[in-house]
Amino acid sequence: MPEGDKRAAEMRRYAAGFVTRIASQRLPLDYSVASLRVVDFLIDGLRRGSSDRARADTVLTGLGAYVGEVLVRRAGAVWVDLDEAQRAYFGQSVGVRMPDGRVWNPLGKVVNRYEAGPEESLATFYLTLPGRSRACAAL
């Protein structure tokens, strides 16, 4: 999905398609909070396998959609189309809005994880994420 073509309404389907494609590798991407450790592991593998981010972009976009969908399913977020100022700030056209109104950029968080390494863990990001709904915060 080219960068400019992402829309909030399409992200759930995009994440599901990515999970279906990757399922053949028997990776436990089940939209659980624990599966974010698998995403960290996959990104570490991408980093070791290639220093060329452009070659990894398709996988990073799929992983970003997956992380966003975990936030939707586990933290009470909703996919949103970002406004012009948010697009300029995040460098993405979609993000997620948390129950408290905060907007996060899961696609960008995945790119940060790829570029910065383990200190940008997605599993840790979720566990320290402000704005989750109370019902979802303990999951």
N, C-alpha and C. Protein backbone atom coordinates (compact mmCIF):
# COMPACT_ATOMS: atom_id res chain seq x y z
N MET A 1 0.85 -1.16 0.00
CA MET A 1 0.00 0.00 0.00
C MET A 1 0.91 1.23 0.00
N PRO A 2 0.91 2.02 -1.04
CA PRO A 2 1.75 3.21 -1.09
C PRO A 2 1.42 4.18 0.04
N GLU A 3 2.43 4.93 0.49
CA GLU A 3 2.30 5.82 1.64
C GLU A 3 1.07 6.71 1.58
N GLY A 4 0.81 7.37 0.46
CA GLY A 4 -0.30 8.30 0.36
C GLY A 4 -1.67 7.64 0.30
N ASP A 5 -1.72 6.34 0.10
CA ASP A 5 -3.00 5.66 -0.08
C ASP A 5 -3.60 5.12 1.22
N LYS A 6 -2.89 5.21 2.35
CA LYS A 6 -3.43 4.65 3.59
C LYS A 6 -4.58 5.49 4.09
N ARG A 7 -5.63 4.81 4.51
CA ARG A 7 -6.80 5.46 5.11
C ARG A 7 -7.18 4.65 6.35
N ALA A 8 -7.66 5.34 7.35
CA ALA A 8 -8.00 4.69 8.61
C ALA A 8 -8.97 3.53 8.40
N ALA A 9 -9.95 3.70 7.54
CA ALA A 9 -10.95 2.67 7.31
C ALA A 9 -10.36 1.39 6.72
N GLU A 10 -9.19 1.48 6.13
CA GLU A 10 -8.57 0.32 5.48
C GLU A 10 -7.55 -0.39 6.36
N MET A 11 -7.15 0.20 7.47
CA MET A 11 -6.03 -0.32 8.25
C MET A 11 -6.31 -1.67 8.89
N ARG A 12 -7.51 -1.90 9.36
CA ARG A 12 -7.83 -3.21 9.96
C ARG A 12 -7.67 -4.31 8.92
N ARG A 13 -8.17 -4.08 7.72
CA ARG A 13 -8.05 -5.06 6.64
C ARG A 13 -6.59 -5.23 6.22
N TYR A 14 -5.86 -4.13 6.18
CA TYR A 14 -4.44 -4.18 5.80
C TYR A 14 -3.66 -5.00 6.82
N ALA A 15 -3.89 -4.78 8.11
CA ALA A 15 -3.22 -5.55 9.16
C ALA A 15 -3.57 -7.03 9.05
N ALA A 16 -4.85 -7.34 8.82
CA ALA A 16 -5.28 -8.74 8.70
C ALA A 16 -4.61 -9.42 7.51
N GLY A 17 -4.50 -8.72 6.39
CA GLY A 17 -3.82 -9.28 5.23
C GLY A 17 -2.36 -9.55 5.51
N PHE A 18 -1.71 -8.65 6.22
CA PHE A 18 -0.31 -8.85 6.59
C PHE A 18 -0.16 -10.08 7.47
N VAL A 19 -1.04 -10.21 8.47
CA VAL A 19 -0.98 -11.36 9.37
C VAL A 19 -1.20 -12.66 8.59
N THR A 20 -2.12 -12.65 7.65
CA THR A 20 -2.36 -13.84 6.83
C THR A 20 -1.12 -14.21 6.04
N ARG A 21 -0.46 -13.22 5.44
CA ARG A 21 0.76 -13.50 4.67
C ARG A 21 1.88 -14.04 5.55
N ILE A 22 2.00 -13.53 6.74
CA ILE A 22 3.11 -13.92 7.61
C ILE A 22 2.79 -15.21 8.37
N ALA A 23 1.52 -15.58 8.45
CA ALA A 23 1.12 -16.78 9.18
C ALA A 23 1.76 -18.05 8.61
N SER A 24 2.09 -18.04 7.35
CA SER A 24 2.72 -19.22 6.75
C SER A 24 4.08 -19.49 7.38
N GLN A 25 4.65 -18.51 8.06
CA GLN A 25 5.93 -18.68 8.73
C GLN A 25 5.74 -19.09 10.19
N ARG A 26 4.51 -19.38 10.55
CA ARG A 26 4.15 -19.86 11.89
C ARG A 26 4.58 -18.90 13.01
N LEU A 27 4.40 -17.63 12.76
CA LEU A 27 4.70 -16.63 13.77
C LEU A 27 3.42 -16.30 14.53
N PRO A 28 3.49 -16.25 15.84
CA PRO A 28 2.29 -16.04 16.65
C PRO A 28 1.83 -14.58 16.69
N LEU A 29 1.31 -14.11 15.58
CA LEU A 29 0.76 -12.76 15.53
C LEU A 29 -0.75 -12.88 15.74
N ASP A 30 -1.14 -12.85 17.01
CA ASP A 30 -2.54 -13.07 17.39
C ASP A 30 -3.20 -11.82 17.97
N TYR A 31 -2.60 -10.66 17.76
CA TYR A 31 -3.11 -9.38 18.24
C TYR A 31 -3.06 -9.27 19.77
N SER A 32 -2.27 -10.10 20.40
CA SER A 32 -2.12 -10.00 21.86
C SER A 32 -1.00 -9.01 22.17
N VAL A 33 -1.00 -8.52 23.40
CA VAL A 33 0.07 -7.64 23.84
C VAL A 33 1.40 -8.40 23.79
N ALA A 34 1.39 -9.67 24.18
CA ALA A 34 2.61 -10.48 24.16
C ALA A 34 3.19 -10.61 22.75
N SER A 35 2.34 -10.55 21.72
CA SER A 35 2.84 -10.68 20.35
C SER A 35 3.70 -9.50 19.92
N LEU A 36 3.66 -8.41 20.67
CA LEU A 36 4.52 -7.27 20.34
C LEU A 36 5.99 -7.62 20.54
N ARG A 37 6.28 -8.62 21.40
CA ARG A 37 7.66 -9.11 21.51
C ARG A 37 8.08 -9.80 20.22
N VAL A 38 7.15 -10.48 19.57
CA VAL A 38 7.44 -11.11 18.28
C VAL A 38 7.75 -10.04 17.24
N VAL A 39 6.99 -8.95 17.27
CA VAL A 39 7.24 -7.84 16.34
C VAL A 39 8.64 -7.29 16.58
N ASP A 40 9.02 -7.09 17.84
CA ASP A 40 10.38 -6.63 18.14
C ASP A 40 11.41 -7.60 17.56
N PHE A 41 11.19 -8.89 17.72
CA PHE A 41 12.09 -9.92 17.20
C PHE A 41 12.18 -9.85 15.67
N LEU A 42 11.04 -9.69 15.01
CA LEU A 42 11.03 -9.60 13.55
C LEU A 42 11.81 -8.38 13.07
N ILE A 43 11.63 -7.26 13.75
CA ILE A 43 12.35 -6.05 13.36
C ILE A 43 13.85 -6.23 13.58
N ASP A 44 14.23 -6.89 14.66
CA ASP A 44 15.66 -7.17 14.87
C ASP A 44 16.22 -8.00 13.72
N GLY A 45 15.44 -8.96 13.25
CA GLY A 45 15.87 -9.77 12.11
C GLY A 45 16.01 -8.94 10.85
N LEU A 46 15.09 -8.04 10.62
CA LEU A 46 15.17 -7.13 9.47
C LEU A 46 16.43 -6.27 9.55
N ARG A 47 16.71 -5.77 10.74
CA ARG A 47 17.89 -4.91 10.94
C ARG A 47 19.17 -5.69 10.64
N ARG A 48 19.23 -6.93 11.08
CA ARG A 48 20.42 -7.75 10.83
C ARG A 48 20.54 -8.14 9.36
N GLY A 49 19.39 -8.35 8.74
CA GLY A 49 19.38 -8.84 7.36
C GLY A 49 19.67 -7.79 6.32
N SER A 50 19.44 -6.53 6.64
CA SER A 50 19.63 -5.48 5.64
C SER A 50 19.72 -4.13 6.33
N SER A 51 20.66 -3.34 5.90
CA SER A 51 20.74 -1.98 6.43
C SER A 51 19.99 -1.01 5.52
N ASP A 52 19.39 -1.53 4.47
CA ASP A 52 18.66 -0.70 3.50
C ASP A 52 17.20 -0.62 3.91
N ARG A 53 16.82 0.49 4.57
CA ARG A 53 15.45 0.62 5.05
C ARG A 53 14.43 0.57 3.92
N ALA A 54 14.77 1.11 2.77
CA ALA A 54 13.82 1.12 1.65
C ALA A 54 13.39 -0.30 1.29
N ARG A 55 14.29 -1.25 1.41
CA ARG A 55 13.95 -2.65 1.11
C ARG A 55 13.03 -3.25 2.17
N ALA A 56 13.09 -2.70 3.38
CA ALA A 56 12.28 -3.22 4.49
C ALA A 56 10.95 -2.50 4.63
N ASP A 57 10.71 -1.45 3.86
CA ASP A 57 9.53 -0.61 4.05
C ASP A 57 8.20 -1.36 4.00
N THR A 58 8.04 -2.29 3.08
CA THR A 58 6.77 -3.01 2.98
C THR A 58 6.48 -3.81 4.24
N VAL A 59 7.50 -4.49 4.75
CA VAL A 59 7.32 -5.26 5.98
C VAL A 59 7.10 -4.31 7.16
N LEU A 60 7.84 -3.22 7.22
CA LEU A 60 7.67 -2.27 8.31
C LEU A 60 6.27 -1.67 8.31
N THR A 61 5.72 -1.39 7.13
CA THR A 61 4.36 -0.87 7.05
C THR A 61 3.36 -1.91 7.55
N GLY A 62 3.55 -3.16 7.16
CA GLY A 62 2.67 -4.23 7.65
C GLY A 62 2.77 -4.38 9.15
N LEU A 63 3.98 -4.34 9.69
CA LEU A 63 4.15 -4.44 11.14
C LEU A 63 3.55 -3.24 11.85
N GLY A 64 3.67 -2.06 11.26
CA GLY A 64 3.06 -0.86 11.84
C GLY A 64 1.54 -0.98 11.88
N ALA A 65 0.96 -1.49 10.81
CA ALA A 65 -0.49 -1.71 10.78
C ALA A 65 -0.89 -2.72 11.86
N TYR A 66 -0.08 -3.76 12.01
CA TYR A 66 -0.35 -4.77 13.03
C TYR A 66 -0.29 -4.16 14.44
N VAL A 67 0.76 -3.39 14.72
CA VAL A 67 0.89 -2.75 16.04
C VAL A 67 -0.30 -1.82 16.29
N GLY A 68 -0.70 -1.08 15.29
CA GLY A 68 -1.87 -0.22 15.44
C GLY A 68 -3.12 -1.02 15.75
N GLU A 69 -3.25 -2.14 15.10
CA GLU A 69 -4.43 -2.98 15.33
C GLU A 69 -4.39 -3.59 16.73
N VAL A 70 -3.21 -3.90 17.25
CA VAL A 70 -3.11 -4.34 18.65
C VAL A 70 -3.61 -3.22 19.57
N LEU A 71 -3.24 -1.99 19.28
CA LEU A 71 -3.72 -0.86 20.09
C LEU A 71 -5.24 -0.72 19.99
N VAL A 72 -5.78 -0.95 18.81
CA VAL A 72 -7.24 -0.90 18.63
C VAL A 72 -7.91 -1.99 19.46
N ARG A 73 -7.42 -3.21 19.34
CA ARG A 73 -8.08 -4.34 20.00
C ARG A 73 -7.81 -4.43 21.49
N ARG A 74 -6.64 -3.99 21.93
CA ARG A 74 -6.26 -4.20 23.34
C ARG A 74 -6.25 -2.94 24.19
N ALA A 75 -6.14 -1.77 23.56
CA ALA A 75 -6.02 -0.54 24.34
C ALA A 75 -7.20 0.41 24.14
N GLY A 76 -8.18 0.01 23.33
CA GLY A 76 -9.35 0.85 23.13
C GLY A 76 -9.17 1.96 22.11
N ALA A 77 -8.11 1.90 21.31
CA ALA A 77 -7.85 2.93 20.30
C ALA A 77 -8.78 2.75 19.10
N VAL A 78 -8.82 3.76 18.24
CA VAL A 78 -9.52 3.68 16.96
C VAL A 78 -8.58 4.25 15.89
N TRP A 79 -8.64 3.67 14.70
CA TRP A 79 -7.87 4.21 13.58
C TRP A 79 -8.46 5.54 13.17
N VAL A 80 -7.61 6.50 12.85
CA VAL A 80 -8.05 7.82 12.40
C VAL A 80 -7.19 8.28 11.23
N ASP A 81 -7.83 9.03 10.33
CA ASP A 81 -7.08 9.74 9.30
C ASP A 81 -6.52 10.99 9.98
N LEU A 82 -5.24 11.21 9.83
CA LEU A 82 -4.61 12.36 10.47
C LEU A 82 -4.89 13.64 9.68
N ASP A 83 -5.02 14.74 10.41
CA ASP A 83 -5.20 16.02 9.73
C ASP A 83 -3.85 16.50 9.19
N GLU A 84 -3.88 17.61 8.50
CA GLU A 84 -2.67 18.10 7.82
C GLU A 84 -1.51 18.32 8.78
N ALA A 85 -1.77 18.93 9.92
CA ALA A 85 -0.71 19.19 10.89
C ALA A 85 -0.15 17.88 11.45
N GLN A 86 -1.03 16.92 11.74
CA GLN A 86 -0.59 15.63 12.27
C GLN A 86 0.22 14.87 11.21
N ARG A 87 -0.23 14.93 9.96
CA ARG A 87 0.53 14.26 8.88
C ARG A 87 1.93 14.85 8.77
N ALA A 88 2.02 16.16 8.88
CA ALA A 88 3.34 16.81 8.81
C ALA A 88 4.21 16.39 10.00
N TYR A 89 3.63 16.30 11.17
CA TYR A 89 4.37 15.95 12.37
C TYR A 89 4.80 14.48 12.37
N PHE A 90 3.85 13.58 12.07
CA PHE A 90 4.13 12.15 12.13
C PHE A 90 4.73 11.58 10.85
N GLY A 91 4.52 12.26 9.72
CA GLY A 91 5.00 11.71 8.45
C GLY A 91 4.18 10.53 7.96
N GLN A 92 2.96 10.41 8.44
CA GLN A 92 2.04 9.33 8.08
C GLN A 92 0.66 9.93 7.84
N SER A 93 -0.18 9.20 7.12
CA SER A 93 -1.53 9.69 6.86
C SER A 93 -2.56 9.12 7.84
N VAL A 94 -2.18 8.08 8.59
CA VAL A 94 -3.09 7.46 9.55
C VAL A 94 -2.39 7.28 10.89
N GLY A 95 -3.20 7.19 11.92
CA GLY A 95 -2.71 6.92 13.26
C GLY A 95 -3.83 6.32 14.07
N VAL A 96 -3.64 6.25 15.37
CA VAL A 96 -4.70 5.77 16.25
C VAL A 96 -4.97 6.82 17.32
N ARG A 97 -6.25 6.95 17.68
CA ARG A 97 -6.66 7.85 18.76
C ARG A 97 -7.03 6.98 19.96
N MET A 98 -6.40 7.31 21.09
CA MET A 98 -6.65 6.57 22.31
C MET A 98 -7.94 7.07 22.97
N PRO A 99 -8.49 6.32 23.93
CA PRO A 99 -9.72 6.74 24.59
C PRO A 99 -9.62 8.12 25.25
N ASP A 100 -8.43 8.53 25.65
CA ASP A 100 -8.28 9.85 26.27
C ASP A 100 -8.06 10.96 25.24
N GLY A 101 -8.10 10.62 23.94
CA GLY A 101 -7.96 11.61 22.89
C GLY A 101 -6.56 11.75 22.31
N ARG A 102 -5.56 11.16 22.94
CA ARG A 102 -4.20 11.25 22.42
C ARG A 102 -4.09 10.48 21.11
N VAL A 103 -3.28 11.00 20.21
CA VAL A 103 -3.07 10.36 18.91
C VAL A 103 -1.66 9.79 18.89
N TRP A 104 -1.54 8.54 18.45
CA TRP A 104 -0.25 7.86 18.35
C TRP A 104 -0.02 7.42 16.92
N ASN A 105 1.23 7.19 16.59
CA ASN A 105 1.67 6.84 15.25
C ASN A 105 2.33 5.47 15.25
N PRO A 106 1.56 4.38 15.21
CA PRO A 106 2.18 3.05 15.28
C PRO A 106 3.08 2.74 14.08
N LEU A 107 2.75 3.26 12.90
CA LEU A 107 3.61 3.02 11.73
C LEU A 107 4.98 3.66 11.95
N GLY A 108 4.99 4.85 12.50
CA GLY A 108 6.25 5.53 12.79
C GLY A 108 7.00 4.88 13.94
N LYS A 109 6.28 4.36 14.95
CA LYS A 109 6.94 3.66 16.06
C LYS A 109 7.71 2.46 15.55
N VAL A 110 7.16 1.75 14.58
CA VAL A 110 7.84 0.59 14.02
C VAL A 110 9.11 1.03 13.28
N VAL A 111 9.03 2.10 12.53
CA VAL A 111 10.21 2.62 11.83
C VAL A 111 11.26 3.05 12.86
N ASN A 112 10.83 3.71 13.94
CA ASN A 112 11.77 4.09 15.00
C ASN A 112 12.46 2.87 15.59
N ARG A 113 11.69 1.80 15.80
CA ARG A 113 12.25 0.56 16.35
C ARG A 113 13.31 0.00 15.41
N TYR A 114 13.02 0.04 14.12
CA TYR A 114 13.97 -0.45 13.10
C TYR A 114 15.24 0.39 13.11
N GLU A 115 15.07 1.70 13.16
CA GLU A 115 16.22 2.59 13.05
C GLU A 115 17.03 2.69 14.34
N ALA A 116 16.37 2.66 15.50
CA ALA A 116 17.06 2.87 16.77
C ALA A 116 17.44 1.58 17.48
N GLY A 117 16.74 0.50 17.20
CA GLY A 117 17.05 -0.76 17.84
C GLY A 117 16.25 -1.04 19.09
N PRO A 118 16.74 -1.95 19.94
CA PRO A 118 15.98 -2.46 21.09
C PRO A 118 15.51 -1.41 22.09
N GLU A 119 16.18 -0.27 22.17
CA GLU A 119 15.72 0.74 23.13
C GLU A 119 14.36 1.32 22.75
N GLU A 120 13.88 1.05 21.55
CA GLU A 120 12.56 1.49 21.10
C GLU A 120 11.57 0.31 21.05
N SER A 121 11.68 -0.60 21.98
CA SER A 121 10.85 -1.80 22.03
C SER A 121 9.36 -1.47 21.94
N LEU A 122 8.66 -2.18 21.07
CA LEU A 122 7.21 -2.00 20.93
C LEU A 122 6.46 -2.62 22.09
N ALA A 123 6.99 -3.71 22.64
CA ALA A 123 6.37 -4.31 23.82
C ALA A 123 6.42 -3.34 25.00
N THR A 124 7.55 -2.69 25.20
CA THR A 124 7.69 -1.69 26.26
C THR A 124 6.81 -0.48 25.97
N PHE A 125 6.76 -0.06 24.73
CA PHE A 125 5.89 1.05 24.33
C PHE A 125 4.46 0.80 24.79
N TYR A 126 3.94 -0.40 24.52
CA TYR A 126 2.56 -0.70 24.92
C TYR A 126 2.41 -0.64 26.44
N LEU A 127 3.34 -1.24 27.15
CA LEU A 127 3.23 -1.30 28.60
C LEU A 127 3.32 0.07 29.27
N THR A 128 3.95 1.02 28.63
CA THR A 128 4.07 2.37 29.19
C THR A 128 3.15 3.37 28.51
N LEU A 129 2.28 2.89 27.64
CA LEU A 129 1.42 3.73 26.83
C LEU A 129 0.36 4.44 27.67
N PRO A 130 0.41 5.76 27.71
CA PRO A 130 -0.67 6.47 28.40
C PRO A 130 -1.91 6.54 27.51
N GLY A 131 -3.07 6.66 28.16
CA GLY A 131 -4.30 6.87 27.42
C GLY A 131 -5.10 5.63 27.11
N ARG A 132 -4.64 4.46 27.59
CA ARG A 132 -5.43 3.25 27.35
C ARG A 132 -6.72 3.29 28.15
N SER A 133 -7.73 2.59 27.67
CA SER A 133 -8.98 2.52 28.43
C SER A 133 -8.71 1.67 29.68
N ARG A 134 -9.41 1.97 30.75
CA ARG A 134 -9.20 1.22 32.01
C ARG A 134 -9.44 -0.28 31.83
N ALA A 135 -10.46 -0.63 31.08
CA ALA A 135 -10.77 -2.05 30.87
C ALA A 135 -9.65 -2.76 30.14
N CYS A 136 -8.93 -2.05 29.29
CA CYS A 136 -7.87 -2.66 28.48
C CYS A 136 -6.50 -2.53 29.13
N ALA A 137 -6.32 -1.67 30.08
CA ALA A 137 -5.00 -1.34 30.62
C ALA A 137 -4.32 -2.56 31.25
N ALA A 138 -5.07 -3.48 31.80
CA ALA A 138 -4.46 -4.61 32.50
C ALA A 138 -4.16 -5.78 31.57
N LEU A 139 -4.60 -5.75 30.34
CA LEU A 139 -4.39 -6.89 29.43
C LEU A 139 -2.95 -7.08 29.08
